[in-house]
């Protein structure tokens, strides 16, 4: 009797854990919407702040070249995408790939880099420290891929 009960409990646990893993894998990516644009990743508010970057100035999302999806940051993409990232080449800096999380305005990469860390549409301030991580998103003079930043940087 004890052996039968033990086998039954073992089968239940195995079945339950397989079902949970399957359900987790089948869940769609989480996203928020700003206007009609979906921002994927681990956003913690409606202005694109995420678990990794959430100061008052962390209000942009970046469209990734590899998948054409907006994410709040490199780490959000790495944690949720099923592919490696690609950086935007300089020849495509005219593409709209930056989203202001306050007003929903899309900026070209060039306009973002030339914005003096301020949205040209709503005048909200962007985090000037983001320029330290351009190499993760955009082709720069630095051809080496550096490690992903931490929120301390």
C-alpha atoms as a PDB file:
ATOM      1  CA  UNK A   1       0.000   0.000   0.000  1.00  0.00           C
ATOM      2  CA  UNK A   2       2.758   2.484   0.935  1.00  0.00           C
ATOM      3  CA  UNK A   3       4.656   1.629  -2.248  1.00  0.00           C
ATOM      4  CA  UNK A   4       1.557   2.245  -4.401  1.00  0.00           C
ATOM      5  CA  UNK A   5       0.932   5.572  -2.659  1.00  0.00           C
ATOM      6  CA  UNK A   6       4.559   6.593  -3.135  1.00  0.00           C
ATOM      7  CA  UNK A   7       4.450   5.712  -6.844  1.00  0.00           C
ATOM      8  CA  UNK A   8       1.192   7.643  -7.256  1.00  0.00           C
ATOM      9  CA  UNK A   9       2.605  10.728  -5.535  1.00  0.00           C
ATOM     10  CA  UNK A  10       5.784  10.522  -7.632  1.00  0.00           C
ATOM     11  CA  UNK A  11       3.748  10.357 -10.846  1.00  0.00           C
ATOM     12  CA  UNK A  12       1.635  13.318  -9.749  1.00  0.00           C
ATOM     13  CA  UNK A  13       4.738  15.375  -9.018  1.00  0.00           C
ATOM     14  CA  UNK A  14       6.339  14.460 -12.347  1.00  0.00           C
ATOM     15  CA  UNK A  15       3.156  15.219 -14.257  1.00  0.00           C
ATOM     16  CA  UNK A  16       2.635  18.492 -12.392  1.00  0.00           C
ATOM     17  CA  UNK A  17       6.180  19.732 -12.995  1.00  0.00           C
ATOM     18  CA  UNK A  18       6.004  18.858 -16.714  1.00  0.00           C
ATOM     19  CA  UNK A  19       2.688  20.642 -17.041  1.00  0.00           C
ATOM     20  CA  UNK A  20       4.065  23.749 -15.304  1.00  0.00           C
ATOM     21  CA  UNK A  21       7.143  23.857 -17.538  1.00  0.00           C
ATOM     22  CA  UNK A  22       4.966  23.483 -20.601  1.00  0.00           C
ATOM     23  CA  UNK A  23       2.615  26.258 -19.496  1.00  0.00           C
ATOM     24  CA  UNK A  24       5.528  28.584 -18.787  1.00  0.00           C
ATOM     25  CA  UNK A  25       7.064  28.022 -22.230  1.00  0.00           C
ATOM     26  CA  UNK A  26       3.748  28.612 -23.976  1.00  0.00           C
ATOM     27  CA  UNK A  27       3.039  31.960 -22.315  1.00  0.00           C
ATOM     28  CA  UNK A  28       3.335  34.947 -24.646  1.00  0.00           C
ATOM     29  CA  UNK A  29       5.835  37.690 -23.966  1.00  0.00           C
ATOM     30  CA  UNK A  30       4.604  40.331 -21.579  1.00  0.00           C
ATOM     31  CA  UNK A  31       4.221  43.804 -23.005  1.00  0.00           C
ATOM     32  CA  UNK A  32       2.820  47.250 -22.362  1.00  0.00           C
ATOM     33  CA  UNK A  33       1.303  49.483 -24.997  1.00  0.00           C
ATOM     34  CA  UNK A  34       2.208  53.088 -25.584  1.00  0.00           C
ATOM     35  CA  UNK A  35      -0.261  54.313 -28.141  1.00  0.00           C
ATOM     36  CA  UNK A  36      -0.363  51.497 -30.664  1.00  0.00           C
ATOM     37  CA  UNK A  37       3.216  50.361 -30.022  1.00  0.00           C
ATOM     38  CA  UNK A  38       3.928  47.265 -27.952  1.00  0.00           C
ATOM     39  CA  UNK A  39       6.963  47.357 -25.686  1.00  0.00           C
ATOM     40  CA  UNK A  40       8.083  43.869 -24.686  1.00  0.00           C
ATOM     41  CA  UNK A  41      10.120  42.932 -21.645  1.00  0.00           C
ATOM     42  CA  UNK A  42       9.973  43.518 -17.937  1.00  0.00           C
ATOM     43  CA  UNK A  43       8.393  46.966 -17.821  1.00  0.00           C
ATOM     44  CA  UNK A  44       7.335  48.090 -14.382  1.00  0.00           C
ATOM     45  CA  UNK A  45       5.292  51.116 -15.405  1.00  0.00           C
ATOM     46  CA  UNK A  46       3.527  52.631 -18.398  1.00  0.00           C
ATOM     47  CA  UNK A  47       6.553  54.792 -19.287  1.00  0.00           C
ATOM     48  CA  UNK A  48       8.878  51.858 -20.198  1.00  0.00           C
ATOM     49  CA  UNK A  49      10.860  51.805 -16.988  1.00  0.00           C
ATOM     50  CA  UNK A  50      11.919  48.214 -16.377  1.00  0.00           C
ATOM     51  CA  UNK A  51      13.295  46.021 -13.633  1.00  0.00           C
ATOM     52  CA  UNK A  52      16.827  46.826 -14.792  1.00  0.00           C
ATOM     53  CA  UNK A  53      16.534  50.599 -15.393  1.00  0.00           C
ATOM     54  CA  UNK A  54      13.899  52.581 -13.532  1.00  0.00           C
ATOM     55  CA  UNK A  55      15.060  56.078 -12.663  1.00  0.00           C
ATOM     56  CA  UNK A  56      12.858  59.065 -13.449  1.00  0.00           C
ATOM     57  CA  UNK A  57      14.847  59.500 -16.688  1.00  0.00           C
ATOM     58  CA  UNK A  58      14.636  55.888 -17.924  1.00  0.00           C
ATOM     59  CA  UNK A  59      11.689  56.530 -20.216  1.00  0.00           C
ATOM     60  CA  UNK A  60      12.711  55.234 -23.615  1.00  0.00           C
ATOM     61  CA  UNK A  61      12.308  51.909 -25.353  1.00  0.00           C
ATOM     62  CA  UNK A  62      14.525  50.770 -28.192  1.00  0.00           C
ATOM     63  CA  UNK A  63      13.415  48.857 -31.266  1.00  0.00           C
ATOM     64  CA  UNK A  64      15.873  46.032 -31.800  1.00  0.00           C
ATOM     65  CA  UNK A  65      17.207  45.592 -35.318  1.00  0.00           C
ATOM     66  CA  UNK A  66      17.047  41.790 -35.099  1.00  0.00           C
ATOM     67  CA  UNK A  67      13.331  41.445 -34.365  1.00  0.00           C
ATOM     68  CA  UNK A  68      11.818  44.897 -34.946  1.00  0.00           C
ATOM     69  CA  UNK A  69      10.366  44.786 -31.410  1.00  0.00           C
ATOM     70  CA  UNK A  70      10.664  47.486 -28.784  1.00  0.00           C
ATOM     71  CA  UNK A  71      12.225  46.599 -25.424  1.00  0.00           C
ATOM     72  CA  UNK A  72      13.067  48.903 -22.496  1.00  0.00           C
ATOM     73  CA  UNK A  73      16.673  47.727 -22.457  1.00  0.00           C
ATOM     74  CA  UNK A  74      19.273  45.254 -23.664  1.00  0.00           C
ATOM     75  CA  UNK A  75      18.787  42.997 -20.629  1.00  0.00           C
ATOM     76  CA  UNK A  76      15.024  42.741 -21.208  1.00  0.00           C
ATOM     77  CA  UNK A  77      15.699  41.639 -24.798  1.00  0.00           C
ATOM     78  CA  UNK A  78      18.333  39.118 -23.741  1.00  0.00           C
ATOM     79  CA  UNK A  79      16.041  37.594 -21.120  1.00  0.00           C
ATOM     80  CA  UNK A  80      12.985  37.244 -23.331  1.00  0.00           C
ATOM     81  CA  UNK A  81      14.044  36.977 -26.972  1.00  0.00           C
ATOM     82  CA  UNK A  82      14.849  33.607 -28.491  1.00  0.00           C
ATOM     83  CA  UNK A  83      17.651  34.984 -30.669  1.00  0.00           C
ATOM     84  CA  UNK A  84      20.829  37.034 -30.464  1.00  0.00           C
ATOM     85  CA  UNK A  85      20.567  40.776 -30.773  1.00  0.00           C
ATOM     86  CA  UNK A  86      21.811  42.811 -33.724  1.00  0.00           C
ATOM     87  CA  UNK A  87      22.906  46.421 -33.589  1.00  0.00           C
ATOM     88  CA  UNK A  88      21.583  49.094 -35.926  1.00  0.00           C
ATOM     89  CA  UNK A  89      24.198  49.915 -38.606  1.00  0.00           C
ATOM     90  CA  UNK A  90      25.155  53.571 -39.063  1.00  0.00           C
ATOM     91  CA  UNK A  91      23.593  53.468 -42.529  1.00  0.00           C
ATOM     92  CA  UNK A  92      20.188  53.012 -40.829  1.00  0.00           C
ATOM     93  CA  UNK A  93      20.417  55.764 -38.218  1.00  0.00           C
ATOM     94  CA  UNK A  94      17.505  57.454 -40.021  1.00  0.00           C
ATOM     95  CA  UNK A  95      15.168  54.619 -38.933  1.00  0.00           C
ATOM     96  CA  UNK A  96      12.675  55.291 -36.170  1.00  0.00           C
ATOM     97  CA  UNK A  97      13.878  53.014 -33.402  1.00  0.00           C
ATOM     98  CA  UNK A  98      13.498  55.024 -30.167  1.00  0.00           C
ATOM     99  CA  UNK A  99      10.196  55.447 -28.361  1.00  0.00           C
ATOM    100  CA  UNK A 100       9.578  58.144 -25.775  1.00  0.00           C
ATOM    101  CA  UNK A 101       7.724  56.449 -22.945  1.00  0.00           C
ATOM    102  CA  UNK A 102       6.016  59.683 -21.922  1.00  0.00           C
ATOM    103  CA  UNK A 103       4.443  60.931 -25.158  1.00  0.00           C
ATOM    104  CA  UNK A 104       4.786  57.889 -27.422  1.00  0.00           C
ATOM    105  CA  UNK A 105       6.723  59.798 -30.076  1.00  0.00           C
ATOM    106  CA  UNK A 106       9.083  57.673 -32.186  1.00  0.00           C
ATOM    107  CA  UNK A 107      12.484  59.165 -32.934  1.00  0.00           C
ATOM    108  CA  UNK A 108      15.056  58.132 -35.452  1.00  0.00           C
ATOM    109  CA  UNK A 109      18.320  56.939 -33.974  1.00  0.00           C
ATOM    110  CA  UNK A 110      20.035  60.074 -35.295  1.00  0.00           C
ATOM    111  CA  UNK A 111      17.375  62.358 -33.786  1.00  0.00           C
ATOM    112  CA  UNK A 112      17.704  60.544 -30.465  1.00  0.00           C
ATOM    113  CA  UNK A 113      21.492  60.869 -30.448  1.00  0.00           C
ATOM    114  CA  UNK A 114      21.195  64.565 -31.342  1.00  0.00           C
ATOM    115  CA  UNK A 115      18.390  65.254 -28.828  1.00  0.00           C
ATOM    116  CA  UNK A 116      20.582  66.466 -25.969  1.00  0.00           C
ATOM    117  CA  UNK A 117      18.761  63.845 -23.831  1.00  0.00           C
ATOM    118  CA  UNK A 118      15.401  65.557 -24.243  1.00  0.00           C
ATOM    119  CA  UNK A 119      12.371  64.401 -26.199  1.00  0.00           C
ATOM    120  CA  UNK A 120      11.912  66.926 -29.023  1.00  0.00           C
ATOM    121  CA  UNK A 121       8.144  66.378 -28.883  1.00  0.00           C
ATOM    122  CA  UNK A 122       7.250  66.604 -25.160  1.00  0.00           C
ATOM    123  CA  UNK A 123      10.526  67.944 -23.666  1.00  0.00           C
ATOM    124  CA  UNK A 124      10.825  65.041 -21.180  1.00  0.00           C
ATOM    125  CA  UNK A 125      14.376  64.315 -20.092  1.00  0.00           C
ATOM    126  CA  UNK A 126      16.132  61.092 -21.109  1.00  0.00           C
ATOM    127  CA  UNK A 127      18.850  59.391 -19.083  1.00  0.00           C
ATOM    128  CA  UNK A 128      22.198  60.794 -20.314  1.00  0.00           C
ATOM    129  CA  UNK A 129      23.922  57.645 -19.034  1.00  0.00           C
ATOM    130  CA  UNK A 130      22.281  55.634 -21.827  1.00  0.00           C
ATOM    131  CA  UNK A 131      24.974  56.910 -24.183  1.00  0.00           C
ATOM    132  CA  UNK A 132      27.437  54.675 -22.295  1.00  0.00           C
ATOM    133  CA  UNK A 133      25.569  51.690 -23.743  1.00  0.00           C
ATOM    134  CA  UNK A 134      25.056  52.770 -27.365  1.00  0.00           C
ATOM    135  CA  UNK A 135      27.376  49.960 -28.497  1.00  0.00           C
ATOM    136  CA  UNK A 136      24.742  47.433 -27.354  1.00  0.00           C
ATOM    137  CA  UNK A 137      22.146  48.908 -29.712  1.00  0.00           C
ATOM    138  CA  UNK A 138      23.912  50.885 -32.422  1.00  0.00           C
ATOM    139  CA  UNK A 139      26.998  50.457 -34.561  1.00  0.00           C
ATOM    140  CA  UNK A 140      29.708  52.624 -33.042  1.00  0.00           C
ATOM    141  CA  UNK A 141      33.459  52.926 -33.377  1.00  0.00           C
ATOM    142  CA  UNK A 142      33.803  50.189 -30.744  1.00  0.00           C
ATOM    143  CA  UNK A 143      33.561  46.924 -32.672  1.00  0.00           C
ATOM    144  CA  UNK A 144      33.885  44.704 -29.595  1.00  0.00           C
ATOM    145  CA  UNK A 145      30.707  43.594 -27.860  1.00  0.00           C
ATOM    146  CA  UNK A 146      31.028  44.580 -24.230  1.00  0.00           C
ATOM    147  CA  UNK A 147      29.249  42.906 -21.361  1.00  0.00           C
ATOM    148  CA  UNK A 148      25.707  43.994 -20.678  1.00  0.00           C
ATOM    149  CA  UNK A 149      25.557  46.856 -18.195  1.00  0.00           C
ATOM    150  CA  UNK A 150      24.256  46.551 -14.689  1.00  0.00           C
ATOM    151  CA  UNK A 151      21.995  49.108 -13.072  1.00  0.00           C
ATOM    152  CA  UNK A 152      25.054  50.377 -11.158  1.00  0.00           C
ATOM    153  CA  UNK A 153      26.578  51.735 -14.390  1.00  0.00           C
END
